[in-house]
């Protein structure tokens, strides 16, 4: 199955567990192409059980579930893959552990992107592109993003502070998609927000 990363939902908790799961359900129902479950504060036990619940939703819509950072949770729930950052296990080690599952790697520099490609990454997440509450780091420049998409043949996903209004910025950068957190997870209407973002992405993909 070809991995479609065009509208990549990264989860963040707002509200109750029921509201969290309902938001993911509505996003899957209306057009996100992939879900990455990111849980920085849950215990392993709670992360595992949340991952099982989210996987029921992604399975229902035949979408891949990617687990953020935690290879053990990915394997335990048989998720489609895992996404790792700079401070996780080496890319080559994760590739050995997960076999043929999808492996996404965060890359803020061209050197890191090349290293990830050489060690077995399937796709790259580049950012944060804009200031964001979920990442306390200097934003990545559009020049760096374009350098990575030009040099690395892997699909590249832009992430970090991406809103519907900012989508047009990525129209000529060569990205395969955008990863969105609060713009979807906190939307007044998740269904409308996802549909509108899908339409805008489709428009600049056709240019």
N, C-alpha and C. Protein backbone atom coordinates (compact mmCIF):
# COMPACT_ATOMS: atom_id res chain seq x y z
N UNK A 1 0.84 -1.20 0.00
CA UNK A 1 0.00 0.00 0.00
C UNK A 1 0.88 1.25 0.00
N UNK A 2 0.62 2.13 -0.96
CA UNK A 2 1.39 3.37 -1.04
C UNK A 2 0.95 4.30 0.10
N UNK A 3 1.92 4.88 0.76
CA UNK A 3 1.63 5.74 1.89
C UNK A 3 1.21 7.13 1.41
N UNK A 4 0.01 7.55 1.76
CA UNK A 4 -0.50 8.86 1.40
C UNK A 4 -0.35 9.78 2.62
N UNK A 5 0.58 10.73 2.52
CA UNK A 5 0.85 11.62 3.65
C UNK A 5 0.34 13.04 3.40
N UNK A 6 -0.56 13.19 2.43
CA UNK A 6 -0.96 14.54 2.01
C UNK A 6 -1.62 15.35 3.12
N UNK A 7 -2.48 14.73 3.92
CA UNK A 7 -3.06 15.43 5.08
C UNK A 7 -2.91 14.52 6.29
N UNK A 8 -1.86 14.78 7.02
CA UNK A 8 -1.31 13.90 8.06
C UNK A 8 -1.71 14.47 9.43
N UNK A 9 -2.60 13.79 10.12
CA UNK A 9 -3.05 14.26 11.43
C UNK A 9 -2.12 13.77 12.53
N UNK A 10 -1.59 14.72 13.32
CA UNK A 10 -0.84 14.39 14.52
C UNK A 10 -1.71 14.76 15.71
N UNK A 11 -1.95 13.82 16.59
CA UNK A 11 -2.91 14.05 17.68
C UNK A 11 -2.32 14.88 18.82
N UNK A 12 -3.20 15.60 19.47
CA UNK A 12 -2.89 16.34 20.69
C UNK A 12 -4.17 16.31 21.52
N UNK A 13 -4.03 16.12 22.83
CA UNK A 13 -5.22 16.01 23.69
C UNK A 13 -5.78 17.37 24.07
N UNK A 14 -7.05 17.54 23.78
CA UNK A 14 -7.82 18.69 24.24
C UNK A 14 -9.17 18.13 24.71
N UNK A 15 -9.53 18.39 25.94
CA UNK A 15 -10.80 17.87 26.43
C UNK A 15 -10.70 16.45 26.94
N UNK A 16 -11.84 15.79 27.00
CA UNK A 16 -11.93 14.44 27.57
C UNK A 16 -11.44 13.37 26.59
N UNK A 17 -11.29 12.15 27.11
CA UNK A 17 -10.91 11.01 26.27
C UNK A 17 -11.94 10.79 25.17
N UNK A 18 -13.22 10.88 25.53
CA UNK A 18 -14.29 10.68 24.55
C UNK A 18 -14.23 11.74 23.45
N UNK A 19 -13.98 12.99 23.84
CA UNK A 19 -13.89 14.07 22.85
C UNK A 19 -12.67 13.88 21.95
N UNK A 20 -11.57 13.44 22.56
CA UNK A 20 -10.33 13.15 21.82
C UNK A 20 -10.58 12.10 20.74
N UNK A 21 -11.20 11.01 21.12
CA UNK A 21 -11.47 9.92 20.16
C UNK A 21 -12.50 10.35 19.11
N UNK A 22 -13.48 11.15 19.51
CA UNK A 22 -14.48 11.63 18.56
C UNK A 22 -13.85 12.54 17.51
N UNK A 23 -12.92 13.37 17.93
CA UNK A 23 -12.22 14.25 16.99
C UNK A 23 -11.45 13.43 15.97
N UNK A 24 -10.75 12.41 16.43
CA UNK A 24 -9.99 11.54 15.52
C UNK A 24 -10.94 10.84 14.56
N UNK A 25 -12.06 10.36 15.07
CA UNK A 25 -13.05 9.69 14.22
C UNK A 25 -13.54 10.63 13.12
N UNK A 26 -13.90 11.84 13.49
CA UNK A 26 -14.42 12.80 12.50
C UNK A 26 -13.35 13.16 11.47
N UNK A 27 -12.11 13.28 11.92
CA UNK A 27 -11.02 13.59 11.00
C UNK A 27 -10.82 12.46 9.99
N UNK A 28 -10.86 11.23 10.47
CA UNK A 28 -10.69 10.07 9.59
C UNK A 28 -11.86 9.95 8.61
N UNK A 29 -13.03 10.24 9.10
CA UNK A 29 -14.24 10.13 8.30
C UNK A 29 -14.27 11.14 7.16
N UNK A 30 -13.58 12.27 7.35
CA UNK A 30 -13.72 13.38 6.40
C UNK A 30 -12.48 13.69 5.57
N UNK A 31 -11.43 12.90 5.70
CA UNK A 31 -10.38 13.07 4.71
C UNK A 31 -8.93 13.13 5.12
N UNK A 32 -8.60 13.00 6.43
CA UNK A 32 -7.17 12.88 6.73
C UNK A 32 -6.68 11.56 6.16
N UNK A 33 -5.43 11.51 5.79
CA UNK A 33 -4.91 10.33 5.09
C UNK A 33 -4.09 9.42 5.99
N UNK A 34 -3.79 9.88 7.20
CA UNK A 34 -2.94 9.12 8.12
C UNK A 34 -3.09 9.74 9.51
N UNK A 35 -2.94 8.92 10.54
CA UNK A 35 -3.01 9.44 11.92
C UNK A 35 -1.74 9.04 12.66
N UNK A 36 -1.09 10.03 13.26
CA UNK A 36 0.06 9.77 14.14
C UNK A 36 -0.37 10.03 15.58
N UNK A 37 -0.33 9.00 16.40
CA UNK A 37 -0.72 9.12 17.80
C UNK A 37 0.48 9.58 18.62
N UNK A 38 0.38 10.79 19.14
CA UNK A 38 1.48 11.36 19.93
C UNK A 38 1.02 11.54 21.37
N UNK A 39 1.68 10.85 22.28
CA UNK A 39 1.35 10.93 23.71
C UNK A 39 2.64 11.07 24.50
N UNK A 40 2.89 12.26 25.01
CA UNK A 40 4.13 12.51 25.74
C UNK A 40 4.01 12.25 27.24
N UNK A 41 2.78 12.23 27.76
CA UNK A 41 2.60 12.19 29.21
C UNK A 41 1.96 10.92 29.74
N UNK A 42 1.39 10.11 28.88
CA UNK A 42 0.72 8.90 29.35
C UNK A 42 1.72 7.84 29.81
N UNK A 43 1.31 7.04 30.77
CA UNK A 43 2.09 5.86 31.13
C UNK A 43 2.07 4.87 29.96
N UNK A 44 2.98 3.92 29.99
CA UNK A 44 3.00 2.91 28.94
C UNK A 44 1.68 2.16 28.88
N UNK A 45 1.14 1.83 30.03
CA UNK A 45 -0.15 1.13 30.11
C UNK A 45 -1.26 1.93 29.43
N UNK A 46 -1.35 3.22 29.76
CA UNK A 46 -2.42 4.05 29.20
C UNK A 46 -2.20 4.34 27.72
N UNK A 47 -0.95 4.52 27.34
CA UNK A 47 -0.63 4.75 25.92
C UNK A 47 -1.06 3.53 25.11
N UNK A 48 -0.75 2.35 25.61
CA UNK A 48 -1.12 1.11 24.92
C UNK A 48 -2.64 1.03 24.71
N UNK A 49 -3.39 1.28 25.76
CA UNK A 49 -4.85 1.17 25.65
C UNK A 49 -5.45 2.27 24.77
N UNK A 50 -4.86 3.46 24.81
CA UNK A 50 -5.32 4.52 23.91
C UNK A 50 -5.01 4.16 22.47
N UNK A 51 -3.83 3.60 22.23
CA UNK A 51 -3.45 3.20 20.88
C UNK A 51 -4.41 2.14 20.33
N UNK A 52 -4.83 1.21 21.17
CA UNK A 52 -5.80 0.20 20.72
C UNK A 52 -7.11 0.86 20.30
N UNK A 53 -7.56 1.83 21.08
CA UNK A 53 -8.81 2.52 20.75
C UNK A 53 -8.69 3.31 19.45
N UNK A 54 -7.57 4.00 19.30
CA UNK A 54 -7.37 4.79 18.08
C UNK A 54 -7.22 3.88 16.87
N UNK A 55 -6.57 2.73 17.05
CA UNK A 55 -6.40 1.80 15.93
C UNK A 55 -7.74 1.24 15.46
N UNK A 56 -8.68 1.06 16.36
CA UNK A 56 -10.02 0.63 15.94
C UNK A 56 -10.63 1.64 14.97
N UNK A 57 -10.38 2.92 15.25
CA UNK A 57 -10.91 3.97 14.38
C UNK A 57 -10.18 3.98 13.04
N UNK A 58 -8.85 3.99 13.06
CA UNK A 58 -8.11 4.04 11.80
C UNK A 58 -8.35 2.79 10.96
N UNK A 59 -8.50 1.64 11.59
CA UNK A 59 -8.82 0.41 10.85
C UNK A 59 -10.18 0.52 10.16
N UNK A 60 -11.13 1.14 10.86
CA UNK A 60 -12.48 1.29 10.31
C UNK A 60 -12.45 2.07 8.99
N UNK A 61 -11.54 3.04 8.90
CA UNK A 61 -11.44 3.87 7.69
C UNK A 61 -10.26 3.48 6.81
N UNK A 62 -9.65 2.35 7.14
CA UNK A 62 -8.53 1.80 6.37
C UNK A 62 -7.40 2.82 6.20
N UNK A 63 -7.07 3.46 7.32
CA UNK A 63 -5.98 4.43 7.33
C UNK A 63 -4.83 3.93 8.20
N UNK A 64 -3.60 4.27 7.85
CA UNK A 64 -2.46 3.84 8.66
C UNK A 64 -2.43 4.57 10.00
N UNK A 65 -2.09 3.85 11.05
CA UNK A 65 -1.82 4.45 12.36
C UNK A 65 -0.31 4.41 12.59
N UNK A 66 0.25 5.59 12.82
CA UNK A 66 1.68 5.72 13.13
C UNK A 66 1.80 6.10 14.60
N UNK A 67 2.68 5.43 15.32
CA UNK A 67 2.91 5.74 16.73
C UNK A 67 4.12 6.66 16.86
N UNK A 68 3.96 7.72 17.63
CA UNK A 68 5.06 8.65 17.84
C UNK A 68 6.09 8.08 18.83
N UNK A 69 7.32 7.96 18.38
CA UNK A 69 8.49 7.60 19.21
C UNK A 69 8.53 6.16 19.73
N UNK A 70 7.40 5.62 20.18
CA UNK A 70 7.42 4.39 20.97
C UNK A 70 7.32 3.13 20.10
N UNK A 71 8.48 2.55 19.83
CA UNK A 71 8.55 1.32 19.04
C UNK A 71 7.79 0.19 19.74
N UNK A 72 7.87 0.14 21.08
CA UNK A 72 7.19 -0.94 21.81
C UNK A 72 5.68 -0.87 21.64
N UNK A 73 5.12 0.33 21.68
CA UNK A 73 3.68 0.49 21.50
C UNK A 73 3.28 0.16 20.07
N UNK A 74 4.09 0.60 19.13
CA UNK A 74 3.84 0.29 17.71
C UNK A 74 3.73 -1.22 17.50
N UNK A 75 4.67 -1.95 18.05
CA UNK A 75 4.68 -3.41 17.88
C UNK A 75 3.55 -4.06 18.67
N UNK A 76 3.28 -3.54 19.87
CA UNK A 76 2.27 -4.14 20.75
C UNK A 76 0.87 -4.08 20.14
N UNK A 77 0.56 -2.98 19.44
CA UNK A 77 -0.79 -2.84 18.87
C UNK A 77 -0.81 -3.15 17.38
N UNK A 78 0.33 -3.54 16.83
CA UNK A 78 0.47 -3.82 15.39
C UNK A 78 0.05 -2.62 14.55
N UNK A 79 0.57 -1.45 14.93
CA UNK A 79 0.33 -0.23 14.15
C UNK A 79 1.07 -0.32 12.82
N UNK A 80 0.73 0.59 11.91
CA UNK A 80 1.33 0.57 10.58
C UNK A 80 2.79 1.01 10.60
N UNK A 81 3.16 1.78 11.64
CA UNK A 81 4.54 2.24 11.69
C UNK A 81 4.80 3.13 12.88
N UNK A 82 5.99 3.71 12.89
CA UNK A 82 6.43 4.57 13.99
C UNK A 82 7.14 5.78 13.41
N UNK A 83 7.04 6.91 14.12
CA UNK A 83 7.76 8.12 13.71
C UNK A 83 8.68 8.52 14.86
N UNK A 84 9.95 8.74 14.55
CA UNK A 84 10.92 9.05 15.59
C UNK A 84 11.57 10.41 15.37
N UNK A 85 12.00 11.03 16.48
CA UNK A 85 12.68 12.31 16.44
C UNK A 85 14.18 12.15 16.59
N UNK A 86 14.85 13.28 16.80
CA UNK A 86 16.31 13.29 16.89
C UNK A 86 16.86 12.56 18.12
N UNK A 87 16.05 12.52 19.18
CA UNK A 87 16.56 12.00 20.45
C UNK A 87 16.07 10.59 20.75
N UNK A 88 15.63 9.88 19.73
CA UNK A 88 15.18 8.50 19.90
C UNK A 88 16.29 7.53 19.51
N UNK A 89 15.95 6.25 19.39
CA UNK A 89 16.91 5.25 18.94
C UNK A 89 17.42 5.59 17.53
N UNK A 90 18.62 5.14 17.18
CA UNK A 90 19.11 5.37 15.82
C UNK A 90 18.14 4.79 14.78
N UNK A 91 18.06 5.48 13.64
CA UNK A 91 17.13 5.07 12.59
C UNK A 91 17.35 3.62 12.18
N UNK A 92 18.59 3.23 12.00
CA UNK A 92 18.90 1.86 11.55
C UNK A 92 18.44 0.82 12.57
N UNK A 93 18.54 1.15 13.84
CA UNK A 93 18.10 0.22 14.89
C UNK A 93 16.58 0.07 14.86
N UNK A 94 15.88 1.18 14.72
CA UNK A 94 14.41 1.13 14.64
C UNK A 94 13.97 0.33 13.42
N UNK A 95 14.66 0.54 12.31
CA UNK A 95 14.32 -0.22 11.10
C UNK A 95 14.42 -1.73 11.35
N UNK A 96 15.46 -2.15 12.04
CA UNK A 96 15.61 -3.58 12.35
C UNK A 96 14.48 -4.07 13.25
N UNK A 97 14.09 -3.25 14.21
CA UNK A 97 13.08 -3.66 15.18
C UNK A 97 11.68 -3.78 14.57
N UNK A 98 11.37 -2.87 13.65
CA UNK A 98 9.99 -2.84 13.13
C UNK A 98 9.83 -3.57 11.81
N UNK A 99 10.92 -4.05 11.23
CA UNK A 99 10.81 -4.79 9.99
C UNK A 99 10.30 -3.92 8.85
N UNK A 100 9.22 -4.36 8.21
CA UNK A 100 8.70 -3.66 7.02
C UNK A 100 7.65 -2.61 7.34
N UNK A 101 7.41 -2.36 8.62
CA UNK A 101 6.46 -1.29 8.96
C UNK A 101 7.01 0.07 8.52
N UNK A 102 6.13 1.05 8.41
CA UNK A 102 6.56 2.38 8.00
C UNK A 102 7.43 3.04 9.08
N UNK A 103 8.45 3.75 8.61
CA UNK A 103 9.34 4.47 9.51
C UNK A 103 9.47 5.91 9.07
N UNK A 104 8.92 6.81 9.88
CA UNK A 104 9.07 8.23 9.62
C UNK A 104 10.12 8.81 10.55
N UNK A 105 10.87 9.78 10.06
CA UNK A 105 11.95 10.37 10.84
C UNK A 105 11.89 11.89 10.74
N UNK A 106 12.00 12.56 11.88
CA UNK A 106 12.05 14.01 11.89
C UNK A 106 13.43 14.48 11.45
N UNK A 107 13.44 15.50 10.58
CA UNK A 107 14.71 16.02 10.07
C UNK A 107 14.63 17.53 9.98
N UNK A 108 15.52 18.21 10.68
CA UNK A 108 15.57 19.67 10.64
C UNK A 108 16.67 20.17 9.71
N UNK A 109 17.55 19.25 9.28
CA UNK A 109 18.66 19.62 8.42
C UNK A 109 18.79 18.63 7.28
N UNK A 110 19.47 19.05 6.23
CA UNK A 110 19.70 18.16 5.09
C UNK A 110 20.57 16.98 5.50
N UNK A 111 21.53 17.20 6.39
CA UNK A 111 22.40 16.12 6.85
C UNK A 111 21.60 15.03 7.56
N UNK A 112 20.68 15.45 8.42
CA UNK A 112 19.84 14.48 9.13
C UNK A 112 18.93 13.75 8.14
N UNK A 113 18.42 14.46 7.16
CA UNK A 113 17.56 13.84 6.14
C UNK A 113 18.32 12.77 5.36
N UNK A 114 19.56 13.08 5.00
CA UNK A 114 20.37 12.09 4.27
C UNK A 114 20.65 10.87 5.13
N UNK A 115 20.98 11.11 6.38
CA UNK A 115 21.25 10.01 7.32
C UNK A 115 20.02 9.12 7.46
N UNK A 116 18.86 9.74 7.59
CA UNK A 116 17.61 8.98 7.74
C UNK A 116 17.33 8.14 6.50
N UNK A 117 17.54 8.73 5.34
CA UNK A 117 17.33 7.98 4.09
C UNK A 117 18.26 6.77 4.01
N UNK A 118 19.52 6.99 4.32
CA UNK A 118 20.52 5.92 4.24
C UNK A 118 20.24 4.78 5.21
N UNK A 119 19.63 5.11 6.36
CA UNK A 119 19.40 4.10 7.39
C UNK A 119 18.01 3.45 7.31
N UNK A 120 17.22 3.82 6.33
CA UNK A 120 15.99 3.07 6.10
C UNK A 120 14.67 3.77 6.35
N UNK A 121 14.67 5.11 6.47
CA UNK A 121 13.40 5.83 6.65
C UNK A 121 12.53 5.70 5.41
N UNK A 122 11.22 5.72 5.61
CA UNK A 122 10.26 5.70 4.51
C UNK A 122 9.81 7.10 4.13
N UNK A 123 9.78 8.00 5.10
CA UNK A 123 9.39 9.38 4.84
C UNK A 123 9.99 10.28 5.92
N UNK A 124 9.98 11.58 5.66
CA UNK A 124 10.58 12.54 6.58
C UNK A 124 9.54 13.55 7.04
N UNK A 125 9.66 13.98 8.29
CA UNK A 125 8.88 15.09 8.80
C UNK A 125 9.82 16.26 9.02
N UNK A 126 9.57 17.37 8.36
CA UNK A 126 10.48 18.52 8.44
C UNK A 126 9.78 19.69 9.11
N UNK A 127 10.42 20.27 10.11
CA UNK A 127 9.85 21.40 10.84
C UNK A 127 10.42 21.44 12.25
N UNK A 128 9.87 22.30 13.08
CA UNK A 128 8.62 23.03 12.90
C UNK A 128 8.79 24.20 11.93
N UNK A 129 7.82 24.32 10.99
CA UNK A 129 7.90 25.36 9.98
C UNK A 129 7.51 26.73 10.53
N UNK A 130 6.65 26.74 11.54
CA UNK A 130 6.21 27.98 12.18
C UNK A 130 6.29 27.78 13.70
N UNK A 131 6.32 28.87 14.46
CA UNK A 131 6.29 28.73 15.92
C UNK A 131 5.06 27.94 16.36
N UNK A 132 5.24 27.05 17.32
CA UNK A 132 4.15 26.19 17.74
C UNK A 132 4.28 25.88 19.23
N UNK A 133 3.15 25.69 19.88
CA UNK A 133 3.13 25.39 21.30
C UNK A 133 3.62 23.97 21.59
N UNK A 134 3.57 23.08 20.60
CA UNK A 134 3.96 21.69 20.84
C UNK A 134 5.46 21.47 20.69
N UNK A 135 6.16 22.43 20.06
CA UNK A 135 7.62 22.30 19.88
C UNK A 135 8.29 23.62 20.21
N UNK A 136 9.17 23.61 21.20
CA UNK A 136 9.89 24.81 21.59
C UNK A 136 11.24 24.81 20.88
N UNK A 137 11.21 25.26 19.62
CA UNK A 137 12.43 25.22 18.82
C UNK A 137 12.37 26.32 17.76
N UNK A 138 13.55 26.66 17.25
CA UNK A 138 13.64 27.64 16.17
C UNK A 138 12.98 27.07 14.92
N UNK A 139 12.08 27.83 14.28
CA UNK A 139 11.42 27.32 13.07
C UNK A 139 12.42 26.97 11.97
N UNK A 140 12.07 25.98 11.20
CA UNK A 140 12.86 25.56 10.04
C UNK A 140 12.51 26.47 8.87
N UNK A 141 13.50 26.87 8.10
CA UNK A 141 13.25 27.79 6.98
C UNK A 141 12.69 27.05 5.77
N UNK A 142 11.99 27.80 4.92
CA UNK A 142 11.50 27.23 3.67
C UNK A 142 12.66 26.81 2.78
N UNK A 143 13.78 27.53 2.89
CA UNK A 143 14.96 27.18 2.10
C UNK A 143 15.48 25.79 2.49
N UNK A 144 15.49 25.50 3.79
CA UNK A 144 15.92 24.17 4.25
C UNK A 144 14.94 23.11 3.79
N UNK A 145 13.66 23.41 3.89
CA UNK A 145 12.64 22.46 3.42
C UNK A 145 12.84 22.13 1.94
N UNK A 146 13.03 23.17 1.13
CA UNK A 146 13.21 22.95 -0.31
C UNK A 146 14.51 22.20 -0.60
N UNK A 147 15.55 22.48 0.18
CA UNK A 147 16.82 21.76 -0.01
C UNK A 147 16.64 20.27 0.23
N UNK A 148 15.85 19.95 1.25
CA UNK A 148 15.60 18.54 1.57
C UNK A 148 14.74 17.87 0.50
N UNK A 149 13.67 18.54 0.08
CA UNK A 149 12.80 17.92 -0.93
C UNK A 149 13.53 17.77 -2.26
N UNK A 150 14.47 18.67 -2.55
CA UNK A 150 15.22 18.60 -3.81
C UNK A 150 16.26 17.49 -3.81
N UNK A 151 16.85 17.24 -2.64
CA UNK A 151 17.97 16.31 -2.57
C UNK A 151 17.57 14.89 -2.18
N UNK A 152 16.47 14.76 -1.47
CA UNK A 152 16.10 13.45 -0.92
C UNK A 152 14.86 12.92 -1.63
N UNK A 153 14.89 11.71 -2.16
CA UNK A 153 13.76 11.19 -2.92
C UNK A 153 12.58 10.70 -2.07
N UNK A 154 12.74 10.68 -0.75
CA UNK A 154 11.66 10.22 0.11
C UNK A 154 10.54 11.26 0.19
N UNK A 155 9.29 10.81 0.46
CA UNK A 155 8.22 11.78 0.71
C UNK A 155 8.56 12.65 1.92
N UNK A 156 8.31 13.93 1.80
CA UNK A 156 8.58 14.89 2.88
C UNK A 156 7.28 15.52 3.33
N UNK A 157 7.08 15.53 4.65
CA UNK A 157 5.89 16.14 5.25
C UNK A 157 6.33 17.36 6.06
N UNK A 158 5.74 18.51 5.77
CA UNK A 158 6.02 19.72 6.55
C UNK A 158 5.16 19.69 7.80
N UNK A 159 5.72 20.11 8.93
CA UNK A 159 4.99 20.08 10.20
C UNK A 159 5.33 21.31 11.03
N UNK A 160 4.40 21.70 11.89
CA UNK A 160 4.69 22.74 12.87
C UNK A 160 3.96 24.04 12.61
N UNK A 161 2.88 24.26 13.34
CA UNK A 161 2.15 25.52 13.23
C UNK A 161 1.40 25.69 11.93
N UNK A 162 1.10 24.58 11.26
CA UNK A 162 0.46 24.66 9.95
C UNK A 162 -1.05 24.82 10.10
N UNK A 163 -1.55 25.88 9.48
CA UNK A 163 -2.98 26.19 9.49
C UNK A 163 -3.51 26.16 8.06
N UNK A 164 -4.81 26.22 7.95
CA UNK A 164 -5.42 26.26 6.62
C UNK A 164 -4.91 27.46 5.82
N UNK A 165 -4.79 28.61 6.48
CA UNK A 165 -4.35 29.83 5.81
C UNK A 165 -2.89 29.74 5.33
N UNK A 166 -2.10 28.90 5.97
CA UNK A 166 -0.68 28.81 5.62
C UNK A 166 -0.38 27.73 4.58
N UNK A 167 -1.37 27.00 4.14
CA UNK A 167 -1.13 25.89 3.21
C UNK A 167 -0.47 26.34 1.91
N UNK A 168 -0.90 27.51 1.42
CA UNK A 168 -0.40 27.98 0.13
C UNK A 168 1.12 28.16 0.12
N UNK A 169 1.70 28.38 1.29
CA UNK A 169 3.15 28.54 1.41
C UNK A 169 3.90 27.32 0.86
N UNK A 170 3.26 26.16 0.95
CA UNK A 170 3.94 24.91 0.59
C UNK A 170 3.67 24.44 -0.84
N UNK A 171 2.96 25.27 -1.60
CA UNK A 171 2.53 24.86 -2.94
C UNK A 171 3.69 24.51 -3.87
N UNK A 172 4.82 25.21 -3.74
CA UNK A 172 5.94 24.96 -4.66
C UNK A 172 7.20 24.48 -3.94
N UNK A 173 7.01 23.81 -2.82
CA UNK A 173 8.17 23.35 -2.03
C UNK A 173 8.55 21.89 -2.30
N UNK A 174 7.70 21.18 -3.00
CA UNK A 174 7.99 19.77 -3.27
C UNK A 174 7.57 18.80 -2.19
N UNK A 175 6.84 19.29 -1.17
CA UNK A 175 6.40 18.39 -0.10
C UNK A 175 5.33 17.43 -0.59
N UNK A 176 5.28 16.26 0.04
CA UNK A 176 4.25 15.28 -0.28
C UNK A 176 2.99 15.52 0.54
N UNK A 177 3.13 16.34 1.59
CA UNK A 177 1.96 16.61 2.43
C UNK A 177 2.31 17.50 3.59
N UNK A 178 1.29 17.76 4.41
CA UNK A 178 1.47 18.58 5.62
C UNK A 178 0.93 17.82 6.82
N UNK A 179 1.61 17.98 7.94
CA UNK A 179 1.14 17.39 9.20
C UNK A 179 0.49 18.50 10.02
N UNK A 180 -0.70 18.21 10.52
CA UNK A 180 -1.50 19.22 11.20
C UNK A 180 -1.88 18.72 12.58
N UNK A 181 -1.78 19.61 13.56
CA UNK A 181 -2.12 19.24 14.94
C UNK A 181 -3.35 20.04 15.38
N UNK A 182 -3.14 21.18 16.01
CA UNK A 182 -4.25 21.91 16.64
C UNK A 182 -5.27 22.45 15.66
N UNK A 183 -4.87 22.76 14.43
CA UNK A 183 -5.82 23.29 13.45
C UNK A 183 -6.98 22.32 13.23
N UNK A 184 -6.70 21.02 13.34
CA UNK A 184 -7.76 20.02 13.24
C UNK A 184 -8.27 19.62 14.62
N UNK A 185 -7.36 19.34 15.54
CA UNK A 185 -7.77 18.82 16.84
C UNK A 185 -8.61 19.83 17.64
N UNK A 186 -8.44 21.13 17.36
CA UNK A 186 -9.20 22.16 18.07
C UNK A 186 -10.22 22.87 17.18
N UNK A 187 -10.49 22.33 16.01
CA UNK A 187 -11.42 22.98 15.08
C UNK A 187 -12.84 22.98 15.64
N UNK A 188 -13.57 24.06 15.37
CA UNK A 188 -14.98 24.12 15.77
C UNK A 188 -15.78 23.03 15.06
N UNK A 189 -15.47 22.84 13.79
CA UNK A 189 -16.05 21.74 13.03
C UNK A 189 -14.92 20.96 12.38
N UNK A 190 -14.61 19.82 12.95
CA UNK A 190 -13.51 19.00 12.43
C UNK A 190 -13.79 18.59 10.99
N UNK A 191 -15.01 18.19 10.71
CA UNK A 191 -15.38 17.75 9.37
C UNK A 191 -15.14 18.84 8.34
N UNK A 192 -15.62 20.05 8.63
CA UNK A 192 -15.46 21.16 7.68
C UNK A 192 -13.99 21.51 7.51
N UNK A 193 -13.25 21.54 8.60
CA UNK A 193 -11.84 21.91 8.54
C UNK A 193 -11.04 20.93 7.69
N UNK A 194 -11.27 19.64 7.90
CA UNK A 194 -10.55 18.62 7.13
C UNK A 194 -10.91 18.71 5.65
N UNK A 195 -12.18 18.86 5.35
CA UNK A 195 -12.60 18.96 3.94
C UNK A 195 -12.00 20.17 3.26
N UNK A 196 -11.98 21.31 3.96
CA UNK A 196 -11.43 22.54 3.38
C UNK A 196 -9.93 22.41 3.14
N UNK A 197 -9.23 21.79 4.08
CA UNK A 197 -7.79 21.62 3.91
C UNK A 197 -7.49 20.64 2.78
N UNK A 198 -8.28 19.59 2.66
CA UNK A 198 -8.10 18.64 1.56
C UNK A 198 -8.27 19.33 0.22
N UNK A 199 -9.27 20.18 0.11
CA UNK A 199 -9.51 20.90 -1.15
C UNK A 199 -8.34 21.80 -1.50
N UNK A 200 -7.80 22.50 -0.53
CA UNK A 200 -6.69 23.41 -0.80
C UNK A 200 -5.42 22.65 -1.17
N UNK A 201 -5.18 21.53 -0.50
CA UNK A 201 -4.02 20.71 -0.85
C UNK A 201 -4.15 20.15 -2.25
N UNK A 202 -5.34 19.69 -2.60
CA UNK A 202 -5.59 19.16 -3.94
C UNK A 202 -5.35 20.23 -5.00
N UNK A 203 -5.73 21.46 -4.68
CA UNK A 203 -5.57 22.56 -5.63
C UNK A 203 -4.11 22.85 -5.91
N UNK A 204 -3.26 22.91 -4.85
CA UNK A 204 -1.87 23.20 -5.14
C UNK A 204 -1.09 21.98 -5.61
N UNK A 205 -1.61 20.79 -5.38
CA UNK A 205 -0.96 19.59 -5.97
C UNK A 205 -1.16 19.53 -7.47
N UNK A 206 -2.27 20.14 -7.95
CA UNK A 206 -2.58 20.10 -9.37
C UNK A 206 -1.84 21.15 -10.17
N UNK A 207 -1.24 22.14 -9.49
CA UNK A 207 -0.55 23.22 -10.20
C UNK A 207 0.72 22.72 -10.90
